[in-house]
Amino acid sequence: RALALVALLGASTLTHAQTAAAPAVSAADWKYKTQRLKAAEVDALLAQPDKLLVLDLRRPDELIKYGSFPVYLNIQNSELEKYLAYLPRDRVILTVSNHAQRAGRAGDILTEK
């Protein structure tokens, strides 16, 4: 499976993307306020690591199977609200998941809190 990526800037939501190998989520199926990023938009965020936090929402077995970014913070969706206070508000937060819906849900939680 490919990664699903969602980016958030402070309290405003940017967009979400997933690579072509992942099951596509149609615009009609996308029920989140968080929008999808295109690959070029993700690359632009990754080019500014001092302004970015990569938040990987995947389970440990998924991290082992698929790998992750060189530097990331791993918090699973079930524990996201518990650790909200520890997430920086001065960086773009790029949420990463194998499932677009999981990434979208996390994006909305981060935007609302």
Foldseek 3Di string as FASTA:
>chain_A
DWKKKWKDAQLHGDAIDTDPVAPDQDPVNDPFPHHHDDPVVVVVQVVCVVQEAEEEQDDPVCCVVPNDDPDHHYDHLVCCVVCLVVDDSRHMYMYMDSDNVRNRVSRRVSNVD
